[in-house]
Amino acid sequence: MAKRRDEFNIDVYCSNCRTHLYRYRKEGEGHLVKCYGSNVLKDYTNPENPLHCHECGTEFARETMMHGRPAYKIIQGKVFVRR
């Protein structure tokens, strides 16, 4: 699969304790609003509780369906990203 111009890898961190949560392939520009499971390159969260930070327990996302695909809807202010 050819890499599109508007795809890049980002690191997602917990805003509360600065723990690394995901390595994610972001599509498009703009803020991180949702994460598709197929675009998560490396998942550092606890498999038993994947939508909570494994260090401080803060819920940072909710499960939902977007455009017919399962996704994690990010709660605004709970995460920050670095490119």
C-alpha atoms as a PDB file:
ATOM      1  CA  MET A   1       0.000   0.000   0.000  1.00  0.00           C
ATOM      2  CA  ALA A   2       1.427   3.365  -0.998  1.00  0.00           C
ATOM      3  CA  LYS A   3       1.831   5.901   1.774  1.00  0.00           C
ATOM      4  CA  ARG A   4      -0.420   8.882   1.198  1.00  0.00           C
ATOM      5  CA  ARG A   5       0.830  12.406   1.623  1.00  0.00           C
ATOM      6  CA  ASP A   6      -1.604  13.159   4.461  1.00  0.00           C
ATOM      7  CA  GLU A   7      -0.621  10.130   6.602  1.00  0.00           C
ATOM      8  CA  PHE A   8       1.943  10.345   9.373  1.00  0.00           C
ATOM      9  CA  ASN A   9       2.805   8.604  12.632  1.00  0.00           C
ATOM     10  CA  ILE A  10       2.123  10.237  15.993  1.00  0.00           C
ATOM     11  CA  ASP A  11       2.612   9.279  19.621  1.00  0.00           C
ATOM     12  CA  VAL A  12      -0.405   9.630  21.928  1.00  0.00           C
ATOM     13  CA  TYR A  13       0.188  10.376  25.623  1.00  0.00           C
ATOM     14  CA  CYS A  14      -2.017  10.716  28.716  1.00  0.00           C
ATOM     15  CA  SER A  15      -2.379  14.389  29.721  1.00  0.00           C
ATOM     16  CA  ASN A  16      -2.633  13.549  33.395  1.00  0.00           C
ATOM     17  CA  CYS A  17       0.530  11.464  33.923  1.00  0.00           C
ATOM     18  CA  ARG A  18       2.292  11.729  30.510  1.00  0.00           C
ATOM     19  CA  THR A  19       2.265   7.962  29.957  1.00  0.00           C
ATOM     20  CA  HIS A  20       2.706   6.701  26.386  1.00  0.00           C
ATOM     21  CA  LEU A  21      -0.607   5.181  25.218  1.00  0.00           C
ATOM     22  CA  TYR A  22      -0.383   4.597  21.438  1.00  0.00           C
ATOM     23  CA  ARG A  23       1.809   4.839  18.386  1.00  0.00           C
ATOM     24  CA  TYR A  24      -0.805   5.773  15.769  1.00  0.00           C
ATOM     25  CA  ARG A  25      -0.943   6.331  11.998  1.00  0.00           C
ATOM     26  CA  LYS A  26      -2.960   9.537  11.615  1.00  0.00           C
ATOM     27  CA  GLU A  27      -4.874  10.199   8.415  1.00  0.00           C
ATOM     28  CA  GLY A  28      -5.479  13.812   7.446  1.00  0.00           C
ATOM     29  CA  GLU A  29      -4.733  17.043   9.187  1.00  0.00           C
ATOM     30  CA  GLY A  30      -6.287  18.514  12.286  1.00  0.00           C
ATOM     31  CA  HIS A  31      -6.725  17.418  15.863  1.00  0.00           C
ATOM     32  CA  LEU A  32      -6.923  13.820  17.014  1.00  0.00           C
ATOM     33  CA  VAL A  33     -10.665  13.206  17.377  1.00  0.00           C
ATOM     34  CA  LYS A  34     -10.886   9.452  16.863  1.00  0.00           C
ATOM     35  CA  CYS A  35      -8.562   6.463  16.628  1.00  0.00           C
ATOM     36  CA  TYR A  36      -9.371   3.549  14.360  1.00  0.00           C
ATOM     37  CA  GLY A  37      -8.141   0.248  15.750  1.00  0.00           C
ATOM     38  CA  SER A  38      -6.616  -0.721  12.426  1.00  0.00           C
ATOM     39  CA  ASN A  39      -4.399   2.389  12.476  1.00  0.00           C
ATOM     40  CA  VAL A  40      -2.913   1.733  15.928  1.00  0.00           C
ATOM     41  CA  LEU A  41       0.667   0.681  15.256  1.00  0.00           C
ATOM     42  CA  LYS A  42       1.680  -0.054  18.861  1.00  0.00           C
ATOM     43  CA  ASP A  43      -0.706  -0.250  21.803  1.00  0.00           C
ATOM     44  CA  TYR A  44       0.822   0.350  25.247  1.00  0.00           C
ATOM     45  CA  THR A  45      -2.486   0.202  27.166  1.00  0.00           C
ATOM     46  CA  ASN A  46      -3.683  -2.642  29.362  1.00  0.00           C
ATOM     47  CA  PRO A  47      -5.547  -5.216  27.196  1.00  0.00           C
ATOM     48  CA  GLU A  48      -8.123  -5.735  29.967  1.00  0.00           C
ATOM     49  CA  ASN A  49      -8.998  -2.017  30.067  1.00  0.00           C
ATOM     50  CA  PRO A  50      -7.839  -0.479  26.767  1.00  0.00           C
ATOM     51  CA  LEU A  51      -9.621   2.895  27.053  1.00  0.00           C
ATOM     52  CA  HIS A  52      -8.073   3.854  30.395  1.00  0.00           C
ATOM     53  CA  CYS A  53      -4.498   4.926  31.110  1.00  0.00           C
ATOM     54  CA  HIS A  54      -2.592   1.996  32.607  1.00  0.00           C
ATOM     55  CA  GLU A  55      -0.735   4.283  35.067  1.00  0.00           C
ATOM     56  CA  CYS A  56      -3.328   6.707  36.487  1.00  0.00           C
ATOM     57  CA  GLY A  57      -6.595   5.041  35.371  1.00  0.00           C
ATOM     58  CA  THR A  58      -7.968   8.103  33.551  1.00  0.00           C
ATOM     59  CA  GLU A  59     -10.526   7.288  30.857  1.00  0.00           C
ATOM     60  CA  PHE A  60      -9.261   8.905  27.651  1.00  0.00           C
ATOM     61  CA  ALA A  61     -11.636   7.468  25.008  1.00  0.00           C
ATOM     62  CA  ARG A  62     -14.977   5.756  24.390  1.00  0.00           C
ATOM     63  CA  GLU A  63     -15.845   2.979  21.934  1.00  0.00           C
ATOM     64  CA  THR A  64     -18.069   3.958  19.015  1.00  0.00           C
ATOM     65  CA  MET A  65     -18.757   3.304  15.330  1.00  0.00           C
ATOM     66  CA  MET A  66     -17.670   5.981  12.844  1.00  0.00           C
ATOM     67  CA  HIS A  67     -18.156   5.659   9.089  1.00  0.00           C
ATOM     68  CA  GLY A  68     -19.011   1.979   9.556  1.00  0.00           C
ATOM     69  CA  ARG A  69     -15.735   1.203  11.346  1.00  0.00           C
ATOM     70  CA  PRO A  70     -15.123   0.584  15.061  1.00  0.00           C
ATOM     71  CA  ALA A  71     -13.248   3.521  16.562  1.00  0.00           C
ATOM     72  CA  TYR A  72     -12.159   5.086  19.848  1.00  0.00           C
ATOM     73  CA  LYS A  73     -13.612   8.581  20.300  1.00  0.00           C
ATOM     74  CA  ILE A  74     -10.995  10.639  22.128  1.00  0.00           C
ATOM     75  CA  ILE A  75     -12.192  12.700  25.113  1.00  0.00           C
ATOM     76  CA  GLN A  76     -10.948  16.236  24.529  1.00  0.00           C
ATOM     77  CA  GLY A  77      -8.138  17.289  26.875  1.00  0.00           C
ATOM     78  CA  LYS A  78      -7.367  13.771  28.119  1.00  0.00           C
ATOM     79  CA  VAL A  79      -4.515  13.118  25.655  1.00  0.00           C
ATOM     80  CA  PHE A  80      -1.831  15.045  23.833  1.00  0.00           C
ATOM     81  CA  VAL A  81       0.136  14.053  20.750  1.00  0.00           C
ATOM     82  CA  ARG A  82       3.677  14.420  19.487  1.00  0.00           C
ATOM     83  CA  ARG A  83       4.674  13.916  15.920  1.00  0.00           C
END
